[in-house]
Amino acid sequence: MKLSTRIKTAFKALAGEYNMDDFDKEVRVRYRGGSSHAGVEVDESSAMRFISVYSCVRVLAEAIASLPITVHQERANGRGSDKVRDHPLFDLLYTAPNTDMTTVSWREQQIASMALAGNCYSVISRNGRGDVIDLYPVPWTDCTPERDLSDYRIYYNINDRGKFERFPATEVFHVPGMGFDGIQGYSPVRMAAEAIGTGIAAEQFNARFFGQGMNVGSVLETDKAMSDKAFDRLRDDFEERGSGLANSWRPLVLEEGLKFNRIPMPLKDAQFIEGRQFTRSEIAGLFRVPPHMIADLSRSTFSNIEHQSIDFVTYSLMPYIVAWEKAISWRLLTPSERRSGLYIKFNVAGLLRGDYKSRQEGLAIQRQNGVISTNDWLEIEDMNPRDDVGAESLLVNGNMISVEVAAGAKPNGGGGTGAAD
């Protein structure tokens, strides 16, 4: 924002004429995409060709797409829930949202759009009873939400082969990211265009450095004037054989007293490697992805990677998961279904299981304290249940009794408490 614009904005704010809508418009204009100060174009498409951005988006999309998602019904007593496999949404979300893709492909596309552009959209189709029968994704570039000032409702303008169609909010599944208007999320890529542009520029420099035979620069010196013919011949020979890794060690024939002097730029002096590592860490922070998950192990050890993975679920995936659960319940379930206790749930237990030894120790503690049975343990480990006697029984340590039993127990001869009669 230019200084004059800032001054005008300040005066507007003092006069009470500047509101959040003005701020929202300025941010959108500023980050609509374009050339960064690093000299490269930055938008969602170019950012995905940058390995750090692609890695972060891929980690988020594949992790959430791999989680089971099911429809649940709360029990009448308010404690616990059960899967509702006969609900129309169950197979739609668990297996295939439409006839062209599986739930994994659909969710990968939706989460990638949300991570890159801050929004994901799908058109909802319903049958005569109002049940959702399919969900077709719409590229975020082809959909624009807006509030109609005539009725203050939100509508979605969707580009279908060059023709825009207007859909009511009830026919579009939309999960927005962080934004200031509550309707549309901001693109993380465009909000962090300078950091991503710096990384893209460094990657292009690295590629050209090797592509040009690792010759950053050179000077040809002579005390004599060169003829045009000799100059043209030297230039052609220099360009054809003096660049590229395959030609980097082939000799050049210099004539008319020319001397070749290289002007190298040591990458160590330019802190090239350190700069690329810093940019990669910045982008990992932008997407809240632990660095070790995009192959940056500079700060990871065997003792903390497990905790970083748990933090990834808690602080990276959970914001997406909660937003999706609420959006699905809001747009795909009816108000009466929500009031009856129906809800959508992602199962993240598999990502929080930890290593095998720690998991077994935790299950053993639950087994010894009467929390789970043998068959519960087997189910958690994805093993078939047993039919023998006692497989469903709960066990507790022999020296532990309930409060009710302790209150009704009679003193024994040794001054302690015994079991109730």
Protein backbone atom coordinates (compact mmCIF):
# COMPACT_ATOMS: atom_id res chain seq x y z
CA MET A 1 0.00 0.00 0.00
CA LYS A 2 1.45 3.36 -1.03
CA LEU A 3 2.04 6.14 1.51
CA SER A 4 -0.68 8.35 0.04
CA THR A 5 -3.12 5.43 0.25
CA ARG A 6 -2.19 4.85 3.87
CA ILE A 7 -2.76 8.51 4.71
CA LYS A 8 -6.17 8.46 3.02
CA THR A 9 -7.02 5.25 4.87
CA ALA A 10 -6.00 6.80 8.19
CA PHE A 11 -8.19 9.86 7.60
CA LYS A 12 -11.09 7.61 6.59
CA ALA A 13 -10.70 5.62 9.78
CA LEU A 14 -10.65 8.81 11.89
CA ALA A 15 -13.75 10.04 10.13
CA GLY A 16 -15.52 6.73 10.67
CA GLU A 17 -15.75 6.08 6.93
CA TYR A 18 -13.32 3.13 6.82
CA ASN A 19 -14.67 -0.27 7.79
CA MET A 20 -13.74 -3.92 7.50
CA ASP A 21 -15.21 -4.17 4.00
CA ASP A 22 -12.74 -1.53 2.80
CA PHE A 23 -9.88 -3.38 4.43
CA ASP A 24 -11.06 -6.65 2.91
CA LYS A 25 -11.13 -5.14 -0.59
CA GLU A 26 -7.64 -3.68 -0.23
CA VAL A 27 -6.18 -6.99 0.90
CA ARG A 28 -7.83 -8.85 -1.97
CA VAL A 29 -6.50 -6.35 -4.50
CA ARG A 30 -3.03 -6.42 -3.02
CA TYR A 31 -2.81 -10.21 -3.02
CA ARG A 32 -4.64 -11.00 -6.23
CA GLY A 33 -1.44 -12.55 -7.59
CA GLY A 34 1.32 -11.25 -9.79
CA SER A 35 5.02 -10.54 -9.72
CA SER A 36 6.77 -10.64 -6.35
CA HIS A 37 9.78 -8.53 -5.41
CA ALA A 38 11.94 -11.57 -6.18
CA GLY A 39 10.98 -11.11 -9.82
CA VAL A 40 8.84 -14.21 -10.29
CA GLU A 41 5.09 -14.64 -10.77
CA VAL A 42 3.38 -16.11 -7.70
CA ASP A 43 -0.07 -17.65 -7.78
CA GLU A 44 -1.53 -20.99 -6.75
CA SER A 45 -0.45 -22.70 -9.98
CA SER A 46 3.15 -21.49 -9.92
CA ALA A 47 3.41 -22.16 -6.17
CA MET A 48 2.50 -25.82 -6.69
CA ARG A 49 5.55 -26.18 -8.94
CA PHE A 50 7.71 -25.21 -5.95
CA ILE A 51 8.71 -28.40 -4.16
CA SER A 52 8.20 -27.09 -0.60
CA VAL A 53 4.66 -25.87 -1.30
CA TYR A 54 3.75 -29.04 -3.20
CA SER A 55 5.10 -31.20 -0.37
CA CYS A 56 3.12 -29.35 2.31
CA VAL A 57 -0.13 -29.42 0.33
CA ARG A 58 0.35 -33.08 -0.50
CA VAL A 59 0.94 -34.00 3.15
CA LEU A 60 -2.23 -32.22 4.27
CA ALA A 61 -4.42 -33.50 1.43
CA GLU A 62 -3.30 -37.12 1.62
CA ALA A 63 -3.43 -37.25 5.42
CA ILE A 64 -7.03 -36.02 5.64
CA ALA A 65 -8.14 -38.02 2.59
CA SER A 66 -6.88 -41.22 4.22
CA LEU A 67 -8.95 -40.79 7.40
CA PRO A 68 -12.21 -42.76 7.73
CA ILE A 69 -15.24 -40.45 7.81
CA THR A 70 -18.56 -41.81 9.04
CA VAL A 71 -22.06 -40.79 10.11
CA HIS A 72 -22.80 -41.25 13.83
CA GLN A 73 -25.93 -41.21 15.97
CA GLU A 74 -25.74 -40.20 19.61
CA ARG A 75 -27.23 -42.72 22.02
CA ALA A 76 -30.42 -41.88 23.87
CA ASN A 77 -28.65 -41.64 27.23
CA GLY A 78 -26.17 -39.11 25.80
CA ARG A 79 -23.19 -41.39 26.38
CA GLY A 80 -21.46 -42.78 23.31
CA SER A 81 -22.61 -43.10 19.72
CA ASP A 82 -23.11 -45.66 16.96
CA LYS A 83 -22.35 -45.67 13.24
CA VAL A 84 -25.39 -45.19 11.01
CA ARG A 85 -24.50 -47.28 7.97
CA ASP A 86 -27.95 -47.04 6.37
CA HIS A 87 -27.89 -43.24 6.18
CA PRO A 88 -27.58 -41.94 2.57
CA LEU A 89 -24.52 -39.88 3.49
CA PHE A 90 -22.60 -42.82 4.93
CA ASP A 91 -21.61 -44.47 1.66
CA LEU A 92 -21.32 -41.08 -0.05
CA LEU A 93 -18.64 -39.86 2.37
CA TYR A 94 -17.04 -43.19 3.19
CA THR A 95 -16.74 -44.63 -0.33
CA ALA A 96 -17.67 -42.42 -3.31
CA PRO A 97 -19.21 -38.93 -3.38
CA ASN A 98 -20.04 -39.25 -7.10
CA THR A 99 -19.80 -41.69 -10.00
CA ASP A 100 -16.41 -40.40 -11.16
CA MET A 101 -14.18 -40.50 -8.08
CA THR A 102 -13.64 -42.13 -4.71
CA THR A 103 -13.84 -40.26 -1.45
CA VAL A 104 -10.03 -40.18 -1.35
CA SER A 105 -9.75 -38.42 -4.73
CA TRP A 106 -12.55 -36.01 -3.87
CA ARG A 107 -11.12 -35.07 -0.48
CA GLU A 108 -7.60 -34.70 -1.85
CA GLN A 109 -8.87 -32.21 -4.43
CA GLN A 110 -10.94 -30.32 -1.86
CA ILE A 111 -8.24 -30.12 0.81
CA ALA A 112 -5.60 -29.11 -1.74
CA SER A 113 -7.84 -26.27 -2.91
CA MET A 114 -8.48 -25.21 0.67
CA ALA A 115 -4.78 -25.30 1.60
CA LEU A 116 -3.71 -23.37 -1.51
CA ALA A 117 -6.57 -20.95 -2.16
CA GLY A 118 -8.36 -20.87 1.19
CA ASN A 119 -11.62 -22.31 -0.19
CA CYS A 120 -13.05 -25.52 -1.62
CA TYR A 121 -16.37 -25.99 -3.39
CA SER A 122 -18.62 -28.85 -4.50
CA VAL A 123 -22.06 -28.76 -6.09
CA ILE A 124 -24.71 -30.69 -4.14
CA SER A 125 -27.29 -32.83 -5.97
CA ARG A 126 -30.37 -34.12 -4.13
CA ASN A 127 -33.18 -36.54 -4.93
CA GLY A 128 -36.90 -35.89 -4.55
CA ARG A 129 -36.78 -36.61 -0.81
CA GLY A 130 -34.03 -34.05 -0.28
CA ASP A 131 -31.29 -36.63 0.35
CA VAL A 132 -27.82 -35.83 -0.99
CA ILE A 133 -27.02 -38.21 -3.85
CA ASP A 134 -23.69 -36.82 -5.11
CA LEU A 135 -21.06 -34.13 -4.62
CA TYR A 136 -19.10 -32.84 -7.61
CA PRO A 137 -16.04 -30.68 -6.96
CA VAL A 138 -15.76 -27.24 -8.56
CA PRO A 139 -12.34 -25.59 -9.05
CA TRP A 140 -11.98 -22.63 -6.75
CA THR A 141 -11.11 -20.49 -9.80
CA ASP A 142 -14.59 -21.13 -11.23
CA CYS A 143 -16.65 -20.25 -8.15
CA THR A 144 -17.25 -16.89 -6.46
CA PRO A 145 -19.50 -16.41 -3.43
CA GLU A 146 -21.28 -13.10 -2.98
CA ARG A 147 -24.00 -11.63 -0.79
CA ASP A 148 -27.06 -10.38 -2.63
CA LEU A 149 -28.03 -7.04 -1.11
CA SER A 150 -31.66 -7.50 -2.15
CA ASP A 151 -32.25 -10.39 0.27
CA TYR A 152 -28.87 -10.54 2.11
CA ARG A 153 -28.44 -14.18 1.19
CA ILE A 154 -25.24 -15.73 -0.10
CA TYR A 155 -25.14 -17.04 -3.66
CA TYR A 156 -22.41 -18.77 -5.65
CA ASN A 157 -21.56 -17.79 -9.22
CA ILE A 158 -20.10 -20.89 -10.91
CA ASN A 159 -18.44 -20.79 -14.31
CA ASP A 160 -19.62 -23.68 -16.46
CA ARG A 161 -17.78 -23.69 -19.81
CA GLY A 162 -17.80 -19.92 -20.08
CA LYS A 163 -21.33 -19.44 -18.79
CA PHE A 164 -21.98 -18.36 -15.22
CA GLU A 165 -24.77 -20.02 -13.26
CA ARG A 166 -26.06 -18.80 -9.93
CA PHE A 167 -26.52 -21.34 -7.13
CA PRO A 168 -28.08 -20.77 -3.71
CA ALA A 169 -25.93 -21.57 -0.70
CA THR A 170 -27.96 -24.70 0.02
CA GLU A 171 -26.73 -26.28 -3.23
CA VAL A 172 -23.02 -25.67 -2.74
CA PHE A 173 -20.74 -27.41 -0.24
CA HIS A 174 -18.21 -24.74 0.72
CA VAL A 175 -15.51 -24.95 3.38
CA PRO A 176 -13.74 -21.58 3.74
CA GLY A 177 -10.42 -21.04 5.44
CA MET A 178 -9.48 -18.02 7.52
CA GLY A 179 -11.01 -14.80 6.22
CA PHE A 180 -12.27 -11.50 7.56
CA ASP A 181 -15.76 -11.50 6.03
CA GLY A 182 -16.81 -14.97 7.20
CA ILE A 183 -17.82 -15.90 3.67
CA GLN A 184 -14.64 -16.49 1.70
CA GLY A 185 -11.21 -17.50 2.94
CA TYR A 186 -7.98 -15.83 1.91
CA SER A 187 -5.41 -17.65 -0.19
CA PRO A 188 -2.38 -18.58 1.96
CA VAL A 189 -0.24 -18.58 -1.18
CA ARG A 190 -1.09 -15.00 -2.07
CA MET A 191 -0.88 -13.78 1.50
CA ALA A 192 2.67 -15.20 1.67
CA ALA A 193 3.58 -14.39 -1.94
CA GLU A 194 6.94 -12.79 -1.10
CA ALA A 195 8.25 -15.74 0.91
CA ILE A 196 7.12 -18.22 -1.75
CA GLY A 197 8.47 -15.98 -4.52
CA THR A 198 11.88 -15.92 -2.82
CA GLY A 199 11.90 -19.71 -2.71
CA ILE A 200 10.87 -20.03 -6.36
CA ALA A 201 13.57 -17.53 -7.39
CA ALA A 202 16.21 -19.47 -5.46
CA GLU A 203 15.11 -22.72 -7.10
CA GLN A 204 15.25 -21.16 -10.57
CA PHE A 205 18.69 -19.75 -9.84
CA ASN A 206 19.88 -23.17 -8.74
CA ALA A 207 18.53 -24.82 -11.90
CA ARG A 208 20.08 -22.21 -14.18
CA PHE A 209 23.36 -22.39 -12.30
CA PHE A 210 23.71 -26.05 -13.24
CA GLY A 211 22.09 -25.61 -16.64
CA GLN A 212 24.73 -23.07 -17.62
CA GLY A 213 27.64 -25.32 -16.82
CA MET A 214 28.06 -23.89 -13.31
CA ASN A 215 29.55 -20.75 -14.87
CA VAL A 216 28.08 -17.78 -13.06
CA GLY A 217 29.99 -15.30 -15.18
CA SER A 218 33.15 -14.81 -17.24
CA VAL A 219 35.12 -12.13 -19.09
CA LEU A 220 37.07 -12.37 -22.33
CA GLU A 221 39.90 -9.84 -22.45
CA THR A 222 42.10 -8.65 -25.33
CA ASP A 223 44.26 -5.61 -26.08
CA LYS A 224 43.38 -5.79 -29.76
CA ALA A 225 40.24 -5.03 -31.71
CA MET A 226 38.39 -8.10 -32.97
CA SER A 227 37.01 -8.39 -36.45
CA ASP A 228 33.28 -8.88 -36.84
CA LYS A 229 33.81 -12.33 -38.34
CA ALA A 230 36.01 -13.47 -35.47
CA PHE A 231 33.55 -12.03 -32.93
CA ASP A 232 30.56 -13.81 -34.46
CA ARG A 233 32.45 -17.09 -34.70
CA LEU A 234 33.58 -16.85 -31.07
CA ARG A 235 30.12 -15.94 -29.82
CA ASP A 236 28.47 -18.86 -31.61
CA ASP A 237 31.12 -21.29 -30.44
CA PHE A 238 30.89 -19.96 -26.87
CA GLU A 239 27.11 -20.30 -26.71
CA GLU A 240 26.96 -23.74 -28.32
CA ARG A 241 29.80 -25.43 -26.53
CA GLY A 242 30.43 -23.32 -23.43
CA SER A 243 27.13 -23.82 -21.61
CA GLY A 244 25.28 -26.78 -20.19
CA LEU A 245 26.56 -29.58 -17.99
CA ALA A 246 27.40 -31.79 -20.97
CA ASN A 247 29.69 -29.09 -22.40
CA SER A 248 30.98 -27.56 -19.18
CA TRP A 249 34.50 -29.04 -19.54
CA ARG A 250 34.94 -28.82 -23.31
CA PRO A 251 37.72 -26.42 -24.28
CA LEU A 252 37.12 -23.16 -26.10
CA VAL A 253 39.39 -21.99 -28.87
CA LEU A 254 40.31 -18.32 -28.33
CA GLU A 255 41.83 -16.25 -31.15
CA GLU A 256 43.35 -12.83 -31.68
CA GLY A 257 44.98 -12.73 -28.24
CA LEU A 258 41.84 -13.29 -26.17
CA LYS A 259 42.22 -14.28 -22.52
CA PHE A 260 39.46 -16.07 -20.58
CA ASN A 261 38.81 -15.00 -16.98
CA ARG A 262 36.06 -16.46 -14.81
CA ILE A 263 34.08 -14.42 -12.28
CA PRO A 264 32.72 -17.00 -9.90
CA MET A 265 30.21 -16.29 -7.15
CA PRO A 266 30.81 -18.74 -4.30
CA LEU A 267 27.43 -20.01 -3.10
CA LYS A 268 28.83 -20.12 0.42
CA ASP A 269 29.36 -16.34 0.37
CA ALA A 270 25.81 -15.87 -0.87
CA GLN A 271 24.52 -18.16 1.94
CA PHE A 272 22.57 -19.94 -0.75
CA ILE A 273 22.02 -23.22 1.09
CA GLU A 274 21.09 -21.50 4.35
CA GLY A 275 18.64 -19.25 2.51
CA ARG A 276 16.89 -22.20 0.88
CA GLN A 277 16.59 -24.01 4.22
CA PHE A 278 15.13 -20.89 5.83
CA THR A 279 12.57 -20.51 3.03
CA ARG A 280 11.58 -24.16 3.36
CA SER A 281 11.04 -23.70 7.11
CA GLU A 282 8.97 -20.58 6.48
CA ILE A 283 6.70 -22.41 4.04
CA ALA A 284 6.35 -25.36 6.41
CA GLY A 285 5.27 -22.84 9.04
CA LEU A 286 2.78 -21.28 6.63
CA PHE A 287 1.00 -24.62 6.19
CA ARG A 288 1.71 -25.73 9.79
CA VAL A 289 3.43 -28.90 8.60
CA PRO A 290 6.28 -30.29 10.74
CA PRO A 291 9.54 -29.86 8.79
CA HIS A 292 10.43 -33.55 9.04
CA MET A 293 7.32 -34.40 7.01
CA ILE A 294 8.73 -32.54 4.00
CA ALA A 295 12.18 -34.15 4.38
CA ASP A 296 13.75 -31.41 6.53
CA LEU A 297 15.43 -33.34 9.34
CA SER A 298 17.84 -30.59 10.40
CA ARG A 299 16.06 -30.11 13.75
CA SER A 300 14.54 -33.55 14.22
CA THR A 301 15.74 -36.43 16.39
CA PHE A 302 14.46 -39.94 16.97
CA SER A 303 13.11 -38.84 20.35
CA ASN A 304 10.94 -35.95 19.16
CA ILE A 305 9.60 -37.06 15.76
CA GLU A 306 6.76 -39.01 17.40
CA HIS A 307 5.71 -35.93 19.39
CA GLN A 308 5.95 -33.80 16.25
CA SER A 309 3.64 -36.25 14.49
CA ILE A 310 1.10 -35.93 17.31
CA ASP A 311 1.40 -32.14 17.12
CA PHE A 312 0.75 -32.43 13.39
CA VAL A 313 -2.60 -34.10 14.08
CA THR A 314 -3.51 -31.70 16.88
CA TYR A 315 -2.50 -28.37 15.37
CA SER A 316 -2.30 -28.99 11.61
CA LEU A 317 -5.05 -31.46 10.76
CA MET A 318 -7.63 -30.71 13.45
CA PRO A 319 -8.50 -27.20 12.16
CA TYR A 320 -9.31 -28.74 8.77
CA ILE A 321 -11.12 -31.71 10.30
CA VAL A 322 -13.31 -29.61 12.61
CA ALA A 323 -14.14 -27.19 9.78
CA TRP A 324 -15.16 -30.12 7.55
CA GLU A 325 -17.22 -31.85 10.24
CA LYS A 326 -19.17 -28.67 10.94
CA ALA A 327 -19.61 -27.82 7.24
CA ILE A 328 -20.89 -31.31 6.41
CA SER A 329 -23.31 -31.32 9.35
CA TRP A 330 -24.51 -27.85 8.36
CA ARG A 331 -24.92 -28.34 4.61
CA LEU A 332 -25.56 -32.06 4.18
CA LEU A 333 -27.67 -32.91 7.24
CA THR A 334 -31.13 -31.50 7.79
CA PRO A 335 -31.94 -29.46 10.93
CA SER A 336 -34.14 -32.29 12.23
CA GLU A 337 -31.29 -34.80 11.78
CA ARG A 338 -28.91 -32.56 13.68
CA ARG A 339 -31.42 -32.14 16.50
CA SER A 340 -31.85 -35.93 16.69
CA GLY A 341 -28.12 -36.35 17.39
CA LEU A 342 -26.76 -37.23 13.94
CA TYR A 343 -23.26 -35.92 13.26
CA ILE A 344 -20.18 -36.52 11.10
CA LYS A 345 -16.91 -37.79 12.52
CA PHE A 346 -13.36 -38.24 11.22
CA ASN A 347 -11.51 -41.08 12.94
CA VAL A 348 -8.05 -39.80 13.86
CA ALA A 349 -7.29 -42.54 16.37
CA GLY A 350 -4.98 -44.28 13.92
CA LEU A 351 -2.76 -41.20 13.62
CA LEU A 352 -2.47 -40.87 17.41
CA ARG A 353 -1.59 -44.46 18.18
CA GLY A 354 2.14 -43.89 18.67
CA ASP A 355 4.75 -46.63 18.39
CA TYR A 356 3.84 -50.28 18.93
CA LYS A 357 5.39 -50.66 22.40
CA SER A 358 3.77 -47.50 23.80
CA ARG A 359 0.41 -48.48 22.31
CA GLN A 360 0.50 -51.95 23.87
CA GLU A 361 1.48 -50.53 27.25
CA GLY A 362 -1.45 -48.12 27.10
CA LEU A 363 -3.88 -50.89 26.13
CA ALA A 364 -2.54 -53.09 28.93
CA ILE A 365 -3.26 -50.35 31.47
CA GLN A 366 -6.83 -50.05 30.16
CA ARG A 367 -7.26 -53.84 30.24
CA GLN A 368 -6.01 -54.12 33.83
CA ASN A 369 -8.33 -51.34 34.99
CA GLY A 370 -11.48 -52.76 33.43
CA VAL A 371 -11.79 -50.20 30.63
CA ILE A 372 -11.58 -52.62 27.68
CA SER A 373 -12.12 -56.32 27.11
CA THR A 374 -9.99 -58.76 25.15
CA ASN A 375 -12.17 -58.28 22.07
CA ASP A 376 -11.99 -54.49 22.44
CA TRP A 377 -8.20 -54.78 22.40
CA LEU A 378 -8.29 -57.01 19.32
CA GLU A 379 -10.61 -54.59 17.51
CA ILE A 380 -8.29 -51.65 18.21
CA GLU A 381 -5.43 -53.67 16.72
CA ASP A 382 -7.59 -54.56 13.68
CA MET A 383 -7.71 -58.27 14.61
CA ASN A 384 -10.68 -60.61 14.60
CA PRO A 385 -12.56 -61.09 17.92
CA ARG A 386 -12.48 -64.31 19.89
CA ASP A 387 -15.47 -66.49 20.76
CA ASP A 388 -14.10 -68.16 23.88
CA VAL A 389 -15.46 -67.53 27.36
CA GLY A 390 -14.19 -64.37 28.95
CA ALA A 391 -13.31 -62.54 25.72
CA GLU A 392 -15.96 -59.92 26.53
CA SER A 393 -15.28 -59.81 30.27
CA LEU A 394 -13.78 -56.80 32.00
CA LEU A 395 -10.99 -57.37 34.50
CA VAL A 396 -9.69 -55.29 37.41
CA ASN A 397 -6.83 -55.72 39.83
CA GLY A 398 -7.77 -57.83 42.86
CA ASN A 399 -6.87 -55.17 45.42
CA MET A 400 -9.22 -52.59 43.88
CA ILE A 401 -12.92 -52.34 44.77
CA SER A 402 -15.61 -49.80 43.96
CA VAL A 403 -16.58 -47.00 46.32
CA GLU A 404 -20.02 -48.58 46.76
CA VAL A 405 -18.49 -51.89 47.86
CA ALA A 406 -16.07 -50.15 50.20
CA ALA A 407 -18.90 -48.19 51.85
CA GLY A 408 -20.88 -51.36 52.62
CA ALA A 409 -17.94 -53.53 53.68
CA LYS A 410 -17.57 -54.92 57.24
CA PRO A 411 -14.30 -54.66 59.19
CA ASN A 412 -12.42 -57.95 59.29
CA GLY A 413 -10.40 -59.38 62.07
CA GLY A 414 -7.22 -57.66 61.01
CA GLY A 415 -8.67 -54.16 61.06
CA GLY A 416 -9.01 -53.93 57.28
CA THR A 417 -12.04 -54.09 55.04
CA GLY A 418 -13.38 -57.17 53.40
CA ALA A 419 -15.77 -57.79 50.60
CA ALA A 420 -19.42 -57.05 51.12
CA ASP A 421 -21.70 -59.92 52.06
